């Protein structure tokens, strides 16, 4: 018997944050998967490295709105 989407979502939302992030990553990867248009092995490893750094909190993330605002101001 298959689970309903609501049951599946409820079950996934009850997972710890890291597990939810993993599930989300896999779902997004599946949506982005276009035959013949995948990432090179080097870029795939770079993405994994950056995700790992974020998970380990070894990097400082910046607010996108503030970053773009500063970048646009520098162009003026």
PDB file of N, CA and C in Angstrom:
ATOM      1  N   UNK A   1       0.844  -1.183   0.000  1.00  0.00           N
ATOM      2  CA  UNK A   1       0.000   0.000   0.000  1.00  0.00           C
ATOM      3  C   UNK A   1       0.889   1.247   0.000  1.00  0.00           C
ATOM      4  N   UNK A   2       0.642   2.154  -0.910  1.00  0.00           N
ATOM      5  CA  UNK A   2       1.459   3.357  -0.981  1.00  0.00           C
ATOM      6  C   UNK A   2       0.912   4.443  -0.058  1.00  0.00           C
ATOM      7  N   UNK A   3       1.831   5.292   0.373  1.00  0.00           N
ATOM      8  CA  UNK A   3       1.454   6.390   1.257  1.00  0.00           C
ATOM      9  C   UNK A   3       0.878   7.531   0.441  1.00  0.00           C
ATOM     10  N   UNK A   4      -0.002   8.283   1.080  1.00  0.00           N
ATOM     11  CA  UNK A   4      -0.502   9.481   0.420  1.00  0.00           C
ATOM     12  C   UNK A   4       0.595  10.545   0.478  1.00  0.00           C
ATOM     13  N   UNK A   5       0.495  11.517  -0.362  1.00  0.00           N
ATOM     14  CA  UNK A   5       1.482  12.601  -0.380  1.00  0.00           C
ATOM     15  C   UNK A   5       1.497  13.315   0.962  1.00  0.00           C
ATOM     16  N   UNK A   6       0.326  13.548   1.547  1.00  0.00           N
ATOM     17  CA  UNK A   6       0.265  14.212   2.850  1.00  0.00           C
ATOM     18  C   UNK A   6       0.989  13.409   3.925  1.00  0.00           C
ATOM     19  N   UNK A   7       0.830  12.084   3.898  1.00  0.00           N
ATOM     20  CA  UNK A   7       1.514  11.238   4.871  1.00  0.00           C
ATOM     21  C   UNK A   7       3.020  11.284   4.664  1.00  0.00           C
ATOM     22  N   UNK A   8       3.430  11.257   3.424  1.00  0.00           N
ATOM     23  CA  UNK A   8       4.847  11.303   3.099  1.00  0.00           C
ATOM     24  C   UNK A   8       5.470  12.622   3.547  1.00  0.00           C
ATOM     25  N   UNK A   9       4.800  13.716   3.235  1.00  0.00           N
ATOM     26  CA  UNK A   9       5.302  15.036   3.632  1.00  0.00           C
ATOM     27  C   UNK A   9       5.378  15.131   5.149  1.00  0.00           C
ATOM     28  N   UNK A  10       4.364  14.672   5.836  1.00  0.00           N
ATOM     29  CA  UNK A  10       4.349  14.703   7.295  1.00  0.00           C
ATOM     30  C   UNK A  10       5.510  13.902   7.864  1.00  0.00           C
ATOM     31  N   UNK A  11       5.755  12.738   7.303  1.00  0.00           N
ATOM     32  CA  UNK A  11       6.847  11.891   7.769  1.00  0.00           C
ATOM     33  C   UNK A  11       8.198  12.565   7.544  1.00  0.00           C
ATOM     34  N   UNK A  12       8.391  13.149   6.369  1.00  0.00           N
ATOM     35  CA  UNK A  12       9.655  13.814   6.057  1.00  0.00           C
ATOM     36  C   UNK A  12       9.856  15.030   6.956  1.00  0.00           C
ATOM     37  N   UNK A  13       8.795  15.793   7.209  1.00  0.00           N
ATOM     38  CA  UNK A  13       8.913  16.974   8.064  1.00  0.00           C
ATOM     39  C   UNK A  13       9.237  16.628   9.508  1.00  0.00           C
ATOM     40  N   UNK A  14       9.007  15.401   9.900  1.00  0.00           N
ATOM     41  CA  UNK A  14       9.323  14.989  11.272  1.00  0.00           C
ATOM     42  C   UNK A  14      10.786  14.570  11.423  1.00  0.00           C
ATOM     43  N   UNK A  15      11.516  14.500  10.317  1.00  0.00           N
ATOM     44  CA  UNK A  15      12.937  14.136  10.363  1.00  0.00           C
ATOM     45  C   UNK A  15      13.770  15.273  10.951  1.00  0.00           C
ATOM     46  N   UNK A  16      14.960  14.956  11.449  1.00  0.00           N
ATOM     47  CA  UNK A  16      15.869  16.010  11.921  1.00  0.00           C
ATOM     48  C   UNK A  16      16.269  16.919  10.754  1.00  0.00           C
ATOM     49  N   UNK A  17      16.690  18.150  11.044  1.00  0.00           N
ATOM     50  CA  UNK A  17      17.031  19.119   9.988  1.00  0.00           C
ATOM     51  C   UNK A  17      17.989  18.598   8.921  1.00  0.00           C
ATOM     52  N   UNK A  18      19.047  17.915   9.312  1.00  0.00           N
ATOM     53  CA  UNK A  18      20.014  17.434   8.312  1.00  0.00           C
ATOM     54  C   UNK A  18      19.387  16.414   7.376  1.00  0.00           C
ATOM     55  N   UNK A  19      18.545  15.556   7.919  1.00  0.00           N
ATOM     56  CA  UNK A  19      17.883  14.547   7.079  1.00  0.00           C
ATOM     57  C   UNK A  19      16.908  15.230   6.128  1.00  0.00           C
ATOM     58  N   UNK A  20      16.186  16.245   6.610  1.00  0.00           N
ATOM     59  CA  UNK A  20      15.266  16.987   5.728  1.00  0.00           C
ATOM     60  C   UNK A  20      16.040  17.684   4.626  1.00  0.00           C
ATOM     61  N   UNK A  21      17.198  18.244   4.968  1.00  0.00           N
ATOM     62  CA  UNK A  21      18.025  18.916   3.957  1.00  0.00           C
ATOM     63  C   UNK A  21      18.487  17.920   2.902  1.00  0.00           C
ATOM     64  N   UNK A  22      18.853  16.727   3.330  1.00  0.00           N
ATOM     65  CA  UNK A  22      19.281  15.692   2.397  1.00  0.00           C
ATOM     66  C   UNK A  22      18.146  15.319   1.443  1.00  0.00           C
ATOM     67  N   UNK A  23      16.952  15.115   1.998  1.00  0.00           N
ATOM     68  CA  UNK A  23      15.787  14.771   1.169  1.00  0.00           C
ATOM     69  C   UNK A  23      15.501  15.909   0.197  1.00  0.00           C
ATOM     70  N   UNK A  24      15.540  17.142   0.683  1.00  0.00           N
ATOM     71  CA  UNK A  24      15.282  18.300  -0.180  1.00  0.00           C
ATOM     72  C   UNK A  24      16.303  18.368  -1.313  1.00  0.00           C
ATOM     73  N   UNK A  25      17.566  18.136  -0.974  1.00  0.00           N
ATOM     74  CA  UNK A  25      18.627  18.165  -1.995  1.00  0.00           C
ATOM     75  C   UNK A  25      18.367  17.119  -3.074  1.00  0.00           C
ATOM     76  N   UNK A  26      18.019  15.918  -2.658  1.00  0.00           N
ATOM     77  CA  UNK A  26      17.755  14.844  -3.616  1.00  0.00           C
ATOM     78  C   UNK A  26      16.548  15.164  -4.493  1.00  0.00           C
ATOM     79  N   UNK A  27      15.507  15.751  -3.904  1.00  0.00           N
ATOM     80  CA  UNK A  27      14.329  16.122  -4.692  1.00  0.00           C
ATOM     81  C   UNK A  27      14.673  17.205  -5.716  1.00  0.00           C
ATOM     82  N   UNK A  28      15.442  18.197  -5.290  1.00  0.00           N
ATOM     83  CA  UNK A  28      15.833  19.278  -6.203  1.00  0.00           C
ATOM     84  C   UNK A  28      16.722  18.731  -7.310  1.00  0.00           C
ATOM     85  N   UNK A  29      17.658  17.851  -6.947  1.00  0.00           N
ATOM     86  CA  UNK A  29      18.506  17.231  -7.971  1.00  0.00           C
ATOM     87  C   UNK A  29      17.668  16.497  -9.002  1.00  0.00           C
ATOM     88  N   UNK A  30      16.612  15.816  -8.540  1.00  0.00           N
ATOM     89  CA  UNK A  30      15.783  15.063  -9.476  1.00  0.00           C
ATOM     90  C   UNK A  30      15.022  15.986 -10.422  1.00  0.00           C
ATOM     91  N   UNK A  31      14.679  17.188  -9.954  1.00  0.00           N
ATOM     92  CA  UNK A  31      13.981  18.147 -10.821  1.00  0.00           C
ATOM     93  C   UNK A  31      14.935  18.781 -11.823  1.00  0.00           C
ATOM     94  N   UNK A  32      16.172  18.962 -11.397  1.00  0.00           N
ATOM     95  CA  UNK A  32      17.164  19.610 -12.252  1.00  0.00           C
ATOM     96  C   UNK A  32      17.803  18.647 -13.245  1.00  0.00           C
ATOM     97  N   UNK A  33      17.562  17.374 -13.071  1.00  0.00           N
ATOM     98  CA  UNK A  33      18.210  16.370 -13.920  1.00  0.00           C
ATOM     99  C   UNK A  33      17.651  16.422 -15.339  1.00  0.00           C
ATOM    100  N   UNK A  34      18.512  16.798 -16.254  1.00  0.00           N
ATOM    101  CA  UNK A  34      18.160  16.821 -17.675  1.00  0.00           C
ATOM    102  C   UNK A  34      19.164  15.920 -18.380  1.00  0.00           C
ATOM    103  N   UNK A  35      18.681  14.939 -19.073  1.00  0.00           N
ATOM    104  CA  UNK A  35      19.559  13.978 -19.739  1.00  0.00           C
ATOM    105  C   UNK A  35      20.576  14.691 -20.623  1.00  0.00           C
ATOM    106  N   UNK A  36      21.837  14.331 -20.434  1.00  0.00           N
ATOM    107  CA  UNK A  36      22.891  14.896 -21.268  1.00  0.00           C
ATOM    108  C   UNK A  36      23.321  16.288 -20.869  1.00  0.00           C
ATOM    109  N   UNK A  37      22.713  16.846 -19.840  1.00  0.00           N
ATOM    110  CA  UNK A  37      23.033  18.219 -19.446  1.00  0.00           C
ATOM    111  C   UNK A  37      23.438  18.276 -17.975  1.00  0.00           C
ATOM    112  N   UNK A  38      24.071  17.207 -17.493  1.00  0.00           N
ATOM    113  CA  UNK A  38      24.444  17.132 -16.087  1.00  0.00           C
ATOM    114  C   UNK A  38      25.691  17.921 -15.775  1.00  0.00           C
ATOM    115  N   UNK A  39      25.968  18.007 -14.495  1.00  0.00           N
ATOM    116  CA  UNK A  39      27.177  18.679 -14.043  1.00  0.00           C
ATOM    117  C   UNK A  39      28.386  17.788 -14.306  1.00  0.00           C
ATOM    118  N   UNK A  40      29.487  18.425 -14.564  1.00  0.00           N
ATOM    119  CA  UNK A  40      30.726  17.667 -14.703  1.00  0.00           C
ATOM    120  C   UNK A  40      31.089  17.120 -13.328  1.00  0.00           C
ATOM    121  N   UNK A  41      31.897  16.074 -13.283  1.00  0.00           N
ATOM    122  CA  UNK A  41      32.313  15.539 -11.983  1.00  0.00           C
ATOM    123  C   UNK A  41      32.980  16.601 -11.097  1.00  0.00           C
ATOM    124  N   UNK A  42      33.736  17.494 -11.704  1.00  0.00           N
ATOM    125  CA  UNK A  42      34.411  18.543 -10.926  1.00  0.00           C
ATOM    126  C   UNK A  42      33.401  19.491 -10.287  1.00  0.00           C
ATOM    127  N   UNK A  43      32.386  19.899 -11.047  1.00  0.00           N
ATOM    128  CA  UNK A  43      31.367  20.798 -10.492  1.00  0.00           C
ATOM    129  C   UNK A  43      30.512  20.088  -9.461  1.00  0.00           C
ATOM    130  N   UNK A  44      30.214  18.824  -9.700  1.00  0.00           N
ATOM    131  CA  UNK A  44      29.422  18.048  -8.735  1.00  0.00           C
ATOM    132  C   UNK A  44      30.162  17.993  -7.388  1.00  0.00           C
ATOM    133  N   UNK A  45      31.480  17.768  -7.438  1.00  0.00           N
ATOM    134  CA  UNK A  45      32.277  17.736  -6.204  1.00  0.00           C
ATOM    135  C   UNK A  45      32.323  19.111  -5.549  1.00  0.00           C
ATOM    136  N   UNK A  46      32.398  20.170  -6.361  1.00  0.00           N
ATOM    137  CA  UNK A  46      32.407  21.537  -5.820  1.00  0.00           C
ATOM    138  C   UNK A  46      31.099  21.836  -5.089  1.00  0.00           C
ATOM    139  N   UNK A  47      29.989  21.437  -5.659  1.00  0.00           N
ATOM    140  CA  UNK A  47      28.688  21.639  -5.020  1.00  0.00           C
ATOM    141  C   UNK A  47      28.633  20.879  -3.700  1.00  0.00           C
ATOM    142  N   UNK A  48      29.089  19.645  -3.717  1.00  0.00           N
ATOM    143  CA  UNK A  48      29.103  18.838  -2.485  1.00  0.00           C
ATOM    144  C   UNK A  48      29.988  19.484  -1.419  1.00  0.00           C
ATOM    145  N   UNK A  49      31.158  19.983  -1.842  1.00  0.00           N
ATOM    146  CA  UNK A  49      32.070  20.626  -0.897  1.00  0.00           C
ATOM    147  C   UNK A  49      31.415  21.843  -0.259  1.00  0.00           C
ATOM    148  N   UNK A  50      30.777  22.664  -1.087  1.00  0.00           N
ATOM    149  CA  UNK A  50      30.127  23.869  -0.561  1.00  0.00           C
ATOM    150  C   UNK A  50      28.974  23.524   0.364  1.00  0.00           C
ATOM    151  N   UNK A  51      28.182  22.530   0.016  1.00  0.00           N
ATOM    152  CA  UNK A  51      27.079  22.094   0.889  1.00  0.00           C
ATOM    153  C   UNK A  51      27.622  21.579   2.218  1.00  0.00           C
ATOM    154  N   UNK A  52      28.717  20.829   2.162  1.00  0.00           N
ATOM    155  CA  UNK A  52      29.336  20.303   3.380  1.00  0.00           C
ATOM    156  C   UNK A  52      29.822  21.451   4.266  1.00  0.00           C
ATOM    157  N   UNK A  53      30.451  22.476   3.661  1.00  0.00           N
ATOM    158  CA  UNK A  53      30.918  23.630   4.427  1.00  0.00           C
ATOM    159  C   UNK A  53      29.751  24.355   5.106  1.00  0.00           C
ATOM    160  N   UNK A  54      28.631  24.457   4.412  1.00  0.00           N
ATOM    161  CA  UNK A  54      27.449  25.094   5.003  1.00  0.00           C
ATOM    162  C   UNK A  54      26.923  24.247   6.146  1.00  0.00           C
ATOM    163  N   UNK A  55      26.809  22.939   5.931  1.00  0.00           N
ATOM    164  CA  UNK A  55      26.326  22.036   6.984  1.00  0.00           C
ATOM    165  C   UNK A  55      27.223  22.074   8.220  1.00  0.00           C
ATOM    166  N   UNK A  56      28.534  22.160   8.003  1.00  0.00           N
ATOM    167  CA  UNK A  56      29.496  22.176   9.105  1.00  0.00           C
ATOM    168  C   UNK A  56      29.662  23.567   9.707  1.00  0.00           C
ATOM    169  N   UNK A  57      29.000  24.551   9.111  1.00  0.00           N
ATOM    170  CA  UNK A  57      29.072  25.950   9.553  1.00  0.00           C
ATOM    171  C   UNK A  57      30.506  26.464   9.575  1.00  0.00           C
ATOM    172  N   UNK A  58      31.306  26.027   8.607  1.00  0.00           N
ATOM    173  CA  UNK A  58      32.695  26.483   8.511  1.00  0.00           C
ATOM    174  C   UNK A  58      32.835  27.678   7.576  1.00  0.00           C
ATOM    175  N   UNK A  59      31.735  28.142   7.026  1.00  0.00           N
ATOM    176  CA  UNK A  59      31.727  29.333   6.177  1.00  0.00           C
ATOM    177  C   UNK A  59      30.675  30.299   6.703  1.00  0.00           C
ATOM    178  N   UNK A  60      30.841  31.561   6.380  1.00  0.00           N
ATOM    179  CA  UNK A  60      29.876  32.577   6.770  1.00  0.00           C
ATOM    180  C   UNK A  60      29.014  32.913   5.568  1.00  0.00           C
ATOM    181  N   UNK A  61      27.727  32.715   5.717  1.00  0.00           N
ATOM    182  CA  UNK A  61      26.806  33.028   4.626  1.00  0.00           C
ATOM    183  C   UNK A  61      26.421  34.504   4.699  1.00  0.00           C
ATOM    184  N   UNK A  62      26.166  35.078   3.553  1.00  0.00           N
ATOM    185  CA  UNK A  62      25.773  36.485   3.484  1.00  0.00           C
ATOM    186  C   UNK A  62      24.361  36.593   2.947  1.00  0.00           C
ATOM    187  N   UNK A  63      23.656  37.602   3.410  1.00  0.00           N
ATOM    188  CA  UNK A  63      22.305  37.867   2.945  1.00  0.00           C
ATOM    189  C   UNK A  63      22.359  38.267   1.464  1.00  0.00           C
ATOM    190  N   UNK A  64      21.589  37.596   0.630  1.00  0.00           N
ATOM    191  CA  UNK A  64      21.626  37.848  -0.819  1.00  0.00           C
ATOM    192  C   UNK A  64      21.220  39.276  -1.154  1.00  0.00           C
ATOM    193  N   UNK A  65      20.173  39.760  -0.511  1.00  0.00           N
ATOM    194  CA  UNK A  65      19.689  41.116  -0.819  1.00  0.00           C
ATOM    195  C   UNK A  65      20.766  42.156  -0.526  1.00  0.00           C
ATOM    196  N   UNK A  66      21.428  42.023   0.606  1.00  0.00           N
ATOM    197  CA  UNK A  66      22.496  42.953   0.972  1.00  0.00           C
ATOM    198  C   UNK A  66      23.685  42.825   0.019  1.00  0.00           C
ATOM    199  N   UNK A  67      24.037  41.601  -0.334  1.00  0.00           N
ATOM    200  CA  UNK A  67      25.159  41.364  -1.236  1.00  0.00           C
ATOM    201  C   UNK A  67      24.911  41.980  -2.603  1.00  0.00           C
ATOM    202  N   UNK A  68      23.718  41.751  -3.163  1.00  0.00           N
ATOM    203  CA  UNK A  68      23.400  42.329  -4.467  1.00  0.00           C
ATOM    204  C   UNK A  68      23.320  43.852  -4.392  1.00  0.00           C
ATOM    205  N   UNK A  69      22.794  44.372  -3.303  1.00  0.00           N
ATOM    206  CA  UNK A  69      22.718  45.818  -3.130  1.00  0.00           C
ATOM    207  C   UNK A  69      24.113  46.435  -3.153  1.00  0.00           C
ATOM    208  N   UNK A  70      25.035  45.826  -2.439  1.00  0.00           N
ATOM    209  CA  UNK A  70      26.422  46.317  -2.439  1.00  0.00           C
ATOM    210  C   UNK A  70      27.057  46.216  -3.823  1.00  0.00           C
ATOM    211  N   UNK A  71      26.790  45.113  -4.505  1.00  0.00           N
ATOM    212  CA  UNK A  71      27.361  44.917  -5.837  1.00  0.00           C
ATOM    213  C   UNK A  71      26.832  45.972  -6.812  1.00  0.00           C
ATOM    214  N   UNK A  72      25.515  46.222  -6.774  1.00  0.00           N
ATOM    215  CA  UNK A  72      24.941  47.231  -7.657  1.00  0.00           C
ATOM    216  C   UNK A  72      25.477  48.609  -7.334  1.00  0.00           C
ATOM    217  N   UNK A  73      25.650  48.915  -6.046  1.00  0.00           N
ATOM    218  CA  UNK A  73      26.187  50.210  -5.650  1.00  0.00           C
ATOM    219  C   UNK A  73      27.611  50.390  -6.145  1.00  0.00           C
ATOM    220  N   UNK A  74      28.380  49.323  -6.166  1.00  0.00           N
ATOM    221  CA  UNK A  74      29.768  49.407  -6.629  1.00  0.00           C
ATOM    222  C   UNK A  74      29.831  49.668  -8.134  1.00  0.00           C
ATOM    223  N   UNK A  75      28.774  49.317  -8.873  1.00  0.00           N
ATOM    224  CA  UNK A  75      28.766  49.531 -10.308  1.00  0.00           C
ATOM    225  C   UNK A  75      28.400  50.962 -10.698  1.00  0.00           C
ATOM    226  N   UNK A  76      27.795  51.677  -9.776  1.00  0.00           N
ATOM    227  CA  UNK A  76      27.348  53.046 -10.092  1.00  0.00           C
ATOM    228  C   UNK A  76      28.469  54.024 -10.122  1.00  0.00           C
TER     229      UNK A  76
END
